[in-house]
Amino acid sequence: MKSLEAHLVQYALYHRDKRNIRTHLVGVPLIVFAVIMLTYIPLFEFNQFEVTLSAILIGVVGAYYLYLSAWLGLIMIALLATGYMLTTLLSSQIMLFGVSMSGFYTIGAGIFLFGWMVQFIGHHFEGKKPAFVDDLMGLLIGPMFVLVEVLFKFGCMKHLETQILAQAGAYRN
């Protein structure tokens, strides 16, 4: 399996334009939240806890992120869990207002489409297709890429940033 650095370098090759990266700071979190919403499908109960498809996916993806990096994996799991809690809250609030679950999923689909629209605007600036077109792992690495880009802005993980820049090239305006 590829290392975290190898995945991030591969992803970064498609994301050197700062405008594209800024659109990803908006689009990727929206897409991730929408996927949590769209997979918020009850499957079964376990110890009075309703297990949803999104909870299982968060567990699997979270384990993969932990494999890539314990520290970043914990942050990603916390962010995904926050998205799950917001989804749970939103679902219950929508039900209180008499909106059906199909309305809830329609909202999720709208967020999903808007997030991708923002992404494609960014790739227009970049002049390159999205990374996942050549490697589906880009769909999993994108959220981690956004996290490390934010951490780089705060001066964290300088060694990783240096390695990515050395292999993927400098940012473009």
N, C-alpha and C. Protein backbone atom coordinates (compact mmCIF):
# COMPACT_ATOMS: atom_id res chain seq x y z
N MET A 1 0.84 -1.19 0.00
CA MET A 1 0.00 0.00 0.00
C MET A 1 0.88 1.24 0.00
N LYS A 2 0.33 2.29 -0.61
CA LYS A 2 1.05 3.56 -0.65
C LYS A 2 1.08 4.20 0.74
N SER A 3 2.10 4.99 0.96
CA SER A 3 2.20 5.75 2.20
C SER A 3 1.32 7.00 2.10
N LEU A 4 1.12 7.64 3.23
CA LEU A 4 0.38 8.90 3.25
C LEU A 4 1.03 9.91 2.31
N GLU A 5 2.34 10.04 2.42
CA GLU A 5 3.05 10.99 1.57
C GLU A 5 2.83 10.68 0.09
N ALA A 6 2.94 9.43 -0.30
CA ALA A 6 2.76 9.05 -1.70
C ALA A 6 1.35 9.40 -2.18
N HIS A 7 0.34 9.12 -1.36
CA HIS A 7 -1.04 9.48 -1.74
C HIS A 7 -1.19 10.99 -1.88
N LEU A 8 -0.66 11.73 -0.93
CA LEU A 8 -0.81 13.19 -0.96
C LEU A 8 -0.05 13.81 -2.12
N VAL A 9 1.12 13.28 -2.44
CA VAL A 9 1.87 13.77 -3.60
C VAL A 9 1.08 13.50 -4.88
N GLN A 10 0.56 12.30 -5.02
CA GLN A 10 -0.24 11.94 -6.20
C GLN A 10 -1.43 12.90 -6.33
N TYR A 11 -2.11 13.16 -5.23
CA TYR A 11 -3.27 14.05 -5.24
C TYR A 11 -2.83 15.48 -5.55
N ALA A 12 -1.72 15.90 -4.96
CA ALA A 12 -1.22 17.27 -5.15
C ALA A 12 -0.85 17.55 -6.60
N LEU A 13 -0.44 16.54 -7.34
CA LEU A 13 -0.10 16.75 -8.75
C LEU A 13 -1.27 17.33 -9.54
N TYR A 14 -2.47 17.09 -9.08
CA TYR A 14 -3.68 17.60 -9.73
C TYR A 14 -4.19 18.90 -9.09
N HIS A 15 -3.46 19.37 -8.08
CA HIS A 15 -3.93 20.50 -7.28
C HIS A 15 -2.78 21.43 -6.93
N ARG A 16 -2.31 22.20 -7.90
CA ARG A 16 -1.22 23.14 -7.65
C ARG A 16 -1.72 24.58 -7.70
N ASP A 17 -2.86 24.83 -8.30
CA ASP A 17 -3.40 26.18 -8.40
C ASP A 17 -4.09 26.54 -7.08
N LYS A 18 -3.69 27.66 -6.49
CA LYS A 18 -4.24 28.05 -5.19
C LYS A 18 -5.75 28.26 -5.24
N ARG A 19 -6.26 28.71 -6.36
CA ARG A 19 -7.72 28.89 -6.48
C ARG A 19 -8.43 27.54 -6.42
N ASN A 20 -7.84 26.54 -7.05
CA ASN A 20 -8.41 25.20 -7.01
C ASN A 20 -8.40 24.66 -5.58
N ILE A 21 -7.31 24.87 -4.89
CA ILE A 21 -7.23 24.40 -3.51
C ILE A 21 -8.27 25.11 -2.65
N ARG A 22 -8.46 26.41 -2.87
CA ARG A 22 -9.49 27.13 -2.09
C ARG A 22 -10.89 26.58 -2.37
N THR A 23 -11.17 26.22 -3.62
CA THR A 23 -12.49 25.64 -3.90
C THR A 23 -12.63 24.29 -3.21
N HIS A 24 -11.52 23.56 -3.08
CA HIS A 24 -11.56 22.27 -2.39
C HIS A 24 -11.83 22.44 -0.89
N LEU A 25 -11.39 23.55 -0.33
CA LEU A 25 -11.65 23.81 1.09
C LEU A 25 -13.15 23.96 1.36
N VAL A 26 -13.90 24.29 0.34
CA VAL A 26 -15.36 24.39 0.45
C VAL A 26 -16.02 23.11 -0.08
N GLY A 27 -15.65 22.72 -1.29
CA GLY A 27 -16.32 21.63 -1.97
C GLY A 27 -16.16 20.27 -1.31
N VAL A 28 -14.94 19.94 -0.90
CA VAL A 28 -14.71 18.61 -0.32
C VAL A 28 -15.50 18.41 0.98
N PRO A 29 -15.45 19.36 1.93
CA PRO A 29 -16.27 19.16 3.14
C PRO A 29 -17.77 19.05 2.83
N LEU A 30 -18.25 19.82 1.86
CA LEU A 30 -19.67 19.70 1.49
C LEU A 30 -19.98 18.32 0.94
N ILE A 31 -19.11 17.80 0.09
CA ILE A 31 -19.32 16.47 -0.48
C ILE A 31 -19.28 15.40 0.60
N VAL A 32 -18.31 15.49 1.49
CA VAL A 32 -18.21 14.51 2.57
C VAL A 32 -19.47 14.54 3.44
N PHE A 33 -19.91 15.75 3.80
CA PHE A 33 -21.13 15.87 4.61
C PHE A 33 -22.33 15.29 3.86
N ALA A 34 -22.41 15.58 2.57
CA ALA A 34 -23.52 15.06 1.76
C ALA A 34 -23.49 13.53 1.69
N VAL A 35 -22.31 12.96 1.57
CA VAL A 35 -22.21 11.50 1.52
C VAL A 35 -22.67 10.91 2.85
N ILE A 36 -22.32 11.55 3.95
CA ILE A 36 -22.80 11.09 5.26
C ILE A 36 -24.33 11.13 5.28
N MET A 37 -24.90 12.23 4.78
CA MET A 37 -26.36 12.35 4.74
C MET A 37 -26.98 11.28 3.85
N LEU A 38 -26.42 11.11 2.66
CA LEU A 38 -27.02 10.21 1.68
C LEU A 38 -26.89 8.74 2.07
N THR A 39 -25.95 8.44 2.94
CA THR A 39 -25.78 7.05 3.41
C THR A 39 -26.32 6.88 4.83
N TYR A 40 -27.02 7.87 5.31
CA TYR A 40 -27.63 7.80 6.65
C TYR A 40 -28.89 6.94 6.54
N ILE A 41 -28.64 5.67 6.33
CA ILE A 41 -29.71 4.70 6.11
C ILE A 41 -29.64 3.67 7.23
N PRO A 42 -30.67 3.61 8.07
CA PRO A 42 -30.65 2.62 9.16
C PRO A 42 -30.58 1.20 8.63
N LEU A 43 -29.66 0.42 9.19
CA LEU A 43 -29.49 -0.97 8.77
C LEU A 43 -29.98 -1.95 9.82
N PHE A 44 -29.60 -1.69 11.09
CA PHE A 44 -30.01 -2.55 12.19
C PHE A 44 -29.71 -1.83 13.51
N GLU A 45 -30.22 -2.42 14.60
CA GLU A 45 -29.94 -1.89 15.93
C GLU A 45 -28.94 -2.79 16.63
N PHE A 46 -28.06 -2.16 17.39
CA PHE A 46 -27.06 -2.88 18.18
C PHE A 46 -26.98 -2.20 19.54
N ASN A 47 -27.36 -2.91 20.60
CA ASN A 47 -27.38 -2.34 21.96
C ASN A 47 -28.12 -1.01 22.01
N GLN A 48 -29.30 -0.98 21.44
CA GLN A 48 -30.17 0.19 21.39
C GLN A 48 -29.56 1.35 20.61
N PHE A 49 -28.57 1.07 19.79
CA PHE A 49 -27.96 2.08 18.93
C PHE A 49 -28.30 1.72 17.50
N GLU A 50 -28.87 2.67 16.78
CA GLU A 50 -29.22 2.44 15.39
C GLU A 50 -27.95 2.55 14.53
N VAL A 51 -27.61 1.47 13.87
CA VAL A 51 -26.43 1.44 13.01
C VAL A 51 -26.86 1.80 11.60
N THR A 52 -26.20 2.81 11.05
CA THR A 52 -26.51 3.26 9.69
C THR A 52 -25.36 2.91 8.76
N LEU A 53 -25.65 2.94 7.48
CA LEU A 53 -24.61 2.71 6.49
C LEU A 53 -23.50 3.75 6.65
N SER A 54 -23.87 5.00 6.92
CA SER A 54 -22.83 6.03 7.07
C SER A 54 -21.93 5.75 8.27
N ALA A 55 -22.47 5.23 9.36
CA ALA A 55 -21.64 4.90 10.52
C ALA A 55 -20.63 3.81 10.17
N ILE A 56 -21.06 2.82 9.41
CA ILE A 56 -20.15 1.75 8.99
C ILE A 56 -19.08 2.31 8.07
N LEU A 57 -19.48 3.14 7.11
CA LEU A 57 -18.50 3.74 6.19
C LEU A 57 -17.49 4.60 6.94
N ILE A 58 -17.96 5.37 7.91
CA ILE A 58 -17.05 6.19 8.71
C ILE A 58 -16.05 5.30 9.45
N GLY A 59 -16.52 4.18 9.96
CA GLY A 59 -15.62 3.25 10.64
C GLY A 59 -14.55 2.69 9.71
N VAL A 60 -14.96 2.29 8.52
CA VAL A 60 -14.02 1.71 7.55
C VAL A 60 -13.03 2.77 7.06
N VAL A 61 -13.56 3.91 6.65
CA VAL A 61 -12.69 4.99 6.16
C VAL A 61 -11.80 5.50 7.28
N GLY A 62 -12.35 5.63 8.48
CA GLY A 62 -11.56 6.07 9.63
C GLY A 62 -10.41 5.12 9.91
N ALA A 63 -10.65 3.82 9.80
CA ALA A 63 -9.58 2.84 10.01
C ALA A 63 -8.49 3.01 8.97
N TYR A 64 -8.88 3.27 7.73
CA TYR A 64 -7.88 3.50 6.67
C TYR A 64 -7.06 4.76 6.96
N TYR A 65 -7.74 5.82 7.37
CA TYR A 65 -7.01 7.05 7.71
C TYR A 65 -6.05 6.82 8.89
N LEU A 66 -6.47 6.03 9.87
CA LEU A 66 -5.57 5.69 10.99
C LEU A 66 -4.36 4.90 10.50
N TYR A 67 -4.58 4.03 9.55
CA TYR A 67 -3.48 3.27 8.97
C TYR A 67 -2.47 4.22 8.31
N LEU A 68 -2.98 5.22 7.59
CA LEU A 68 -2.08 6.17 6.91
C LEU A 68 -1.33 7.05 7.90
N SER A 69 -2.02 7.50 8.96
CA SER A 69 -1.40 8.37 9.96
C SER A 69 -2.29 8.37 11.20
N ALA A 70 -1.72 7.98 12.33
CA ALA A 70 -2.52 7.94 13.56
C ALA A 70 -3.05 9.31 13.92
N TRP A 71 -2.19 10.31 13.88
CA TRP A 71 -2.58 11.66 14.28
C TRP A 71 -3.62 12.25 13.34
N LEU A 72 -3.34 12.21 12.04
CA LEU A 72 -4.31 12.74 11.07
C LEU A 72 -5.57 11.89 11.04
N GLY A 73 -5.41 10.58 11.22
CA GLY A 73 -6.57 9.71 11.25
C GLY A 73 -7.53 10.05 12.38
N LEU A 74 -6.97 10.35 13.55
CA LEU A 74 -7.83 10.75 14.68
C LEU A 74 -8.57 12.06 14.39
N ILE A 75 -7.88 13.00 13.76
CA ILE A 75 -8.54 14.26 13.40
C ILE A 75 -9.64 14.00 12.39
N MET A 76 -9.35 13.18 11.39
CA MET A 76 -10.35 12.88 10.37
C MET A 76 -11.56 12.17 10.98
N ILE A 77 -11.31 11.22 11.88
CA ILE A 77 -12.43 10.53 12.54
C ILE A 77 -13.26 11.51 13.35
N ALA A 78 -12.61 12.44 14.04
CA ALA A 78 -13.34 13.46 14.80
C ALA A 78 -14.19 14.32 13.87
N LEU A 79 -13.64 14.69 12.72
CA LEU A 79 -14.40 15.50 11.77
C LEU A 79 -15.57 14.70 11.18
N LEU A 80 -15.32 13.46 10.83
CA LEU A 80 -16.39 12.61 10.30
C LEU A 80 -17.47 12.36 11.35
N ALA A 81 -17.05 12.14 12.59
CA ALA A 81 -18.03 11.93 13.68
C ALA A 81 -18.85 13.20 13.90
N THR A 82 -18.23 14.35 13.78
CA THR A 82 -18.97 15.61 13.89
C THR A 82 -20.01 15.71 12.77
N GLY A 83 -19.60 15.36 11.56
CA GLY A 83 -20.54 15.35 10.44
C GLY A 83 -21.69 14.38 10.68
N TYR A 84 -21.38 13.24 11.28
CA TYR A 84 -22.41 12.24 11.58
C TYR A 84 -23.39 12.78 12.64
N MET A 85 -22.84 13.42 13.66
CA MET A 85 -23.72 13.98 14.71
C MET A 85 -24.59 15.09 14.13
N LEU A 86 -24.04 15.93 13.27
CA LEU A 86 -24.85 16.97 12.63
C LEU A 86 -25.93 16.36 11.74
N THR A 87 -25.59 15.28 11.07
CA THR A 87 -26.56 14.59 10.23
C THR A 87 -27.68 14.01 11.09
N THR A 88 -27.32 13.40 12.21
CA THR A 88 -28.32 12.85 13.12
C THR A 88 -29.25 13.95 13.63
N LEU A 89 -28.66 15.07 14.01
CA LEU A 89 -29.44 16.21 14.49
C LEU A 89 -30.35 16.75 13.39
N LEU A 90 -29.80 16.93 12.21
CA LEU A 90 -30.58 17.44 11.08
C LEU A 90 -31.73 16.49 10.74
N SER A 91 -31.45 15.20 10.75
CA SER A 91 -32.48 14.21 10.46
C SER A 91 -33.63 14.31 11.46
N SER A 92 -33.30 14.40 12.74
CA SER A 92 -34.36 14.47 13.75
C SER A 92 -35.12 15.79 13.67
N GLN A 93 -34.43 16.89 13.36
CA GLN A 93 -35.10 18.18 13.25
C GLN A 93 -36.02 18.22 12.04
N ILE A 94 -35.59 17.64 10.95
CA ILE A 94 -36.43 17.59 9.75
C ILE A 94 -37.69 16.80 10.02
N MET A 95 -37.56 15.69 10.74
CA MET A 95 -38.72 14.87 11.07
C MET A 95 -39.70 15.66 11.97
N LEU A 96 -39.15 16.47 12.90
CA LEU A 96 -40.01 17.27 13.76
C LEU A 96 -40.85 18.27 12.97
N PHE A 97 -40.29 18.76 11.85
CA PHE A 97 -41.00 19.72 11.02
C PHE A 97 -41.88 19.05 9.98
N GLY A 98 -41.99 17.73 10.08
CA GLY A 98 -42.89 17.01 9.18
C GLY A 98 -42.34 16.77 7.79
N VAL A 99 -41.06 17.00 7.60
CA VAL A 99 -40.45 16.75 6.29
C VAL A 99 -40.09 15.25 6.23
N SER A 100 -40.38 14.64 5.13
CA SER A 100 -40.10 13.21 4.99
C SER A 100 -38.60 12.96 4.83
N MET A 101 -38.21 11.71 5.01
CA MET A 101 -36.81 11.36 4.80
C MET A 101 -36.42 11.54 3.34
N SER A 102 -37.37 11.45 2.43
CA SER A 102 -37.02 11.73 1.03
C SER A 102 -36.62 13.20 0.87
N GLY A 103 -37.25 14.08 1.64
CA GLY A 103 -36.84 15.49 1.65
C GLY A 103 -35.44 15.65 2.21
N PHE A 104 -35.13 14.90 3.27
CA PHE A 104 -33.80 14.90 3.87
C PHE A 104 -32.75 14.47 2.84
N TYR A 105 -33.04 13.38 2.11
CA TYR A 105 -32.10 12.90 1.11
C TYR A 105 -32.00 13.86 -0.08
N THR A 106 -33.08 14.56 -0.39
CA THR A 106 -33.04 15.55 -1.45
C THR A 106 -32.10 16.70 -1.07
N ILE A 107 -32.15 17.11 0.19
CA ILE A 107 -31.23 18.14 0.68
C ILE A 107 -29.78 17.63 0.56
N GLY A 108 -29.56 16.39 0.96
CA GLY A 108 -28.23 15.80 0.83
C GLY A 108 -27.75 15.78 -0.61
N ALA A 109 -28.63 15.42 -1.53
CA ALA A 109 -28.27 15.39 -2.95
C ALA A 109 -27.94 16.80 -3.45
N GLY A 110 -28.69 17.78 -2.98
CA GLY A 110 -28.41 19.17 -3.38
C GLY A 110 -27.05 19.63 -2.89
N ILE A 111 -26.72 19.29 -1.65
CA ILE A 111 -25.41 19.64 -1.09
C ILE A 111 -24.31 18.93 -1.88
N PHE A 112 -24.53 17.67 -2.20
CA PHE A 112 -23.58 16.88 -2.96
C PHE A 112 -23.31 17.52 -4.33
N LEU A 113 -24.36 17.86 -5.04
CA LEU A 113 -24.21 18.47 -6.36
C LEU A 113 -23.54 19.83 -6.28
N PHE A 114 -23.91 20.63 -5.29
CA PHE A 114 -23.27 21.94 -5.13
C PHE A 114 -21.78 21.78 -4.83
N GLY A 115 -21.43 20.84 -3.96
CA GLY A 115 -20.02 20.59 -3.65
C GLY A 115 -19.23 20.22 -4.89
N TRP A 116 -19.79 19.36 -5.73
CA TRP A 116 -19.09 18.97 -6.96
C TRP A 116 -19.01 20.14 -7.94
N MET A 117 -20.03 20.96 -7.98
CA MET A 117 -19.98 22.14 -8.86
C MET A 117 -18.80 23.04 -8.45
N VAL A 118 -18.64 23.26 -7.17
CA VAL A 118 -17.52 24.06 -6.66
C VAL A 118 -16.20 23.40 -7.05
N GLN A 119 -16.13 22.07 -6.92
CA GLN A 119 -14.92 21.33 -7.28
C GLN A 119 -14.56 21.52 -8.75
N PHE A 120 -15.55 21.42 -9.62
CA PHE A 120 -15.27 21.52 -11.05
C PHE A 120 -14.88 22.93 -11.45
N ILE A 121 -15.39 23.92 -10.75
CA ILE A 121 -14.92 25.30 -10.98
C ILE A 121 -13.43 25.38 -10.65
N GLY A 122 -13.03 24.79 -9.54
CA GLY A 122 -11.62 24.77 -9.17
C GLY A 122 -10.76 24.07 -10.20
N HIS A 123 -11.24 22.97 -10.74
CA HIS A 123 -10.46 22.25 -11.74
C HIS A 123 -10.43 22.99 -13.07
N HIS A 124 -11.39 23.87 -13.30
CA HIS A 124 -11.31 24.76 -14.47
C HIS A 124 -10.11 25.69 -14.30
N PHE A 125 -9.95 26.26 -13.11
CA PHE A 125 -8.78 27.11 -12.83
C PHE A 125 -7.49 26.31 -12.98
N GLU A 126 -7.52 25.08 -12.49
CA GLU A 126 -6.33 24.22 -12.51
C GLU A 126 -5.95 23.84 -13.94
N GLY A 127 -6.98 23.63 -14.76
CA GLY A 127 -6.71 23.18 -16.12
C GLY A 127 -6.43 21.69 -16.19
N LYS A 128 -6.80 20.97 -15.13
CA LYS A 128 -6.61 19.52 -15.07
C LYS A 128 -7.88 18.85 -14.58
N LYS A 129 -8.03 17.60 -14.95
CA LYS A 129 -9.17 16.83 -14.48
C LYS A 129 -8.96 16.49 -12.99
N PRO A 130 -10.03 16.14 -12.29
CA PRO A 130 -9.89 15.73 -10.88
C PRO A 130 -9.04 14.46 -10.76
N ALA A 131 -8.36 14.35 -9.64
CA ALA A 131 -7.45 13.22 -9.40
C ALA A 131 -8.16 11.87 -9.46
N PHE A 132 -9.41 11.81 -9.01
CA PHE A 132 -10.10 10.52 -8.94
C PHE A 132 -10.37 9.93 -10.32
N VAL A 133 -10.29 10.75 -11.37
CA VAL A 133 -10.53 10.24 -12.73
C VAL A 133 -9.46 9.19 -13.08
N ASP A 134 -8.22 9.43 -12.62
CA ASP A 134 -7.13 8.50 -12.89
C ASP A 134 -6.91 7.49 -11.76
N ASP A 135 -7.38 7.83 -10.57
CA ASP A 135 -7.17 6.95 -9.41
C ASP A 135 -8.31 7.17 -8.43
N LEU A 136 -9.19 6.20 -8.31
CA LEU A 136 -10.36 6.34 -7.44
C LEU A 136 -10.00 6.61 -5.99
N MET A 137 -8.76 6.29 -5.59
CA MET A 137 -8.33 6.59 -4.22
C MET A 137 -8.37 8.08 -3.95
N GLY A 138 -8.35 8.88 -5.00
CA GLY A 138 -8.46 10.33 -4.84
C GLY A 138 -9.72 10.73 -4.10
N LEU A 139 -10.77 9.92 -4.21
CA LEU A 139 -12.00 10.22 -3.49
C LEU A 139 -11.81 10.10 -1.97
N LEU A 140 -10.94 9.18 -1.54
CA LEU A 140 -10.64 9.04 -0.11
C LEU A 140 -9.55 10.00 0.36
N ILE A 141 -8.62 10.30 -0.53
CA ILE A 141 -7.48 11.13 -0.16
C ILE A 141 -7.85 12.61 -0.16
N GLY A 142 -8.83 13.01 -0.95
CA GLY A 142 -9.23 14.42 -1.02
C GLY A 142 -9.50 15.04 0.34
N PRO A 143 -10.31 14.42 1.19
CA PRO A 143 -10.53 15.01 2.51
C PRO A 143 -9.25 15.13 3.35
N MET A 144 -8.38 14.15 3.25
CA MET A 144 -7.11 14.21 3.98
C MET A 144 -6.24 15.34 3.42
N PHE A 145 -6.26 15.51 2.09
CA PHE A 145 -5.52 16.59 1.44
C PHE A 145 -5.99 17.95 1.94
N VAL A 146 -7.30 18.12 2.02
CA VAL A 146 -7.86 19.38 2.53
C VAL A 146 -7.40 19.62 3.96
N LEU A 147 -7.45 18.59 4.79
CA LEU A 147 -6.99 18.72 6.18
C LEU A 147 -5.53 19.16 6.24
N VAL A 148 -4.65 18.49 5.48
CA VAL A 148 -3.24 18.86 5.58
C VAL A 148 -2.99 20.25 5.00
N GLU A 149 -3.73 20.65 3.99
CA GLU A 149 -3.58 22.01 3.45
C GLU A 149 -3.93 23.05 4.52
N VAL A 150 -4.98 22.79 5.29
CA VAL A 150 -5.33 23.69 6.39
C VAL A 150 -4.23 23.68 7.45
N LEU A 151 -3.74 22.51 7.79
CA LEU A 151 -2.66 22.42 8.77
C LEU A 151 -1.40 23.12 8.28
N PHE A 152 -1.09 23.02 6.98
CA PHE A 152 0.06 23.72 6.43
C PHE A 152 -0.10 25.23 6.62
N LYS A 153 -1.30 25.74 6.43
CA LYS A 153 -1.55 27.19 6.59
C LYS A 153 -1.29 27.64 8.02
N PHE A 154 -1.45 26.74 8.98
CA PHE A 154 -1.18 27.06 10.38
C PHE A 154 0.26 26.73 10.78
N GLY A 155 1.08 26.39 9.80
CA GLY A 155 2.49 26.12 10.07
C GLY A 155 2.78 24.73 10.61
N CYS A 156 1.82 23.83 10.53
CA CYS A 156 2.01 22.46 11.02
C CYS A 156 2.53 21.57 9.90
N MET A 157 3.18 20.51 10.29
CA MET A 157 3.62 19.45 9.38
C MET A 157 4.51 19.97 8.25
N LYS A 158 5.45 20.83 8.60
CA LYS A 158 6.33 21.45 7.61
C LYS A 158 7.13 20.42 6.82
N HIS A 159 7.55 19.35 7.48
CA HIS A 159 8.33 18.32 6.77
C HIS A 159 7.49 17.70 5.65
N LEU A 160 6.24 17.37 5.95
CA LEU A 160 5.36 16.78 4.94
C LEU A 160 5.11 17.78 3.82
N GLU A 161 4.88 19.03 4.17
CA GLU A 161 4.66 20.06 3.15
C GLU A 161 5.88 20.18 2.24
N THR A 162 7.06 20.17 2.82
CA THR A 162 8.30 20.26 2.04
C THR A 162 8.42 19.08 1.08
N GLN A 163 8.10 17.88 1.56
CA GLN A 163 8.17 16.68 0.72
C GLN A 163 7.18 16.74 -0.44
N ILE A 164 5.97 17.21 -0.16
CA ILE A 164 4.95 17.33 -1.21
C ILE A 164 5.38 18.37 -2.24
N LEU A 165 5.85 19.51 -1.78
CA LEU A 165 6.29 20.56 -2.71
C LEU A 165 7.47 20.08 -3.57
N ALA A 166 8.38 19.34 -2.97
CA ALA A 166 9.55 18.85 -3.71
C ALA A 166 9.13 17.89 -4.83
N GLN A 167 8.09 17.12 -4.60
CA GLN A 167 7.69 16.11 -5.57
C GLN A 167 6.58 16.57 -6.52
N ALA A 168 5.67 17.42 -6.03
CA ALA A 168 4.53 17.84 -6.84
C ALA A 168 4.74 19.21 -7.47
N GLY A 169 5.67 19.98 -6.93
CA GLY A 169 5.92 21.31 -7.47
C GLY A 169 5.26 22.38 -6.61
N ALA A 170 5.67 23.60 -6.88
CA ALA A 170 5.18 24.75 -6.11
C ALA A 170 3.73 25.07 -6.46
N TYR A 171 3.11 25.82 -5.57
CA TYR A 171 1.75 26.31 -5.82
C TYR A 171 1.79 27.37 -6.93
N ARG A 172 0.69 27.47 -7.67
CA ARG A 172 0.54 28.53 -8.66
C ARG A 172 -0.60 29.44 -8.21
N ASN A 173 -0.50 30.69 -8.57
CA ASN A 173 -1.59 31.64 -8.24
C ASN A 173 -2.73 31.51 -9.20
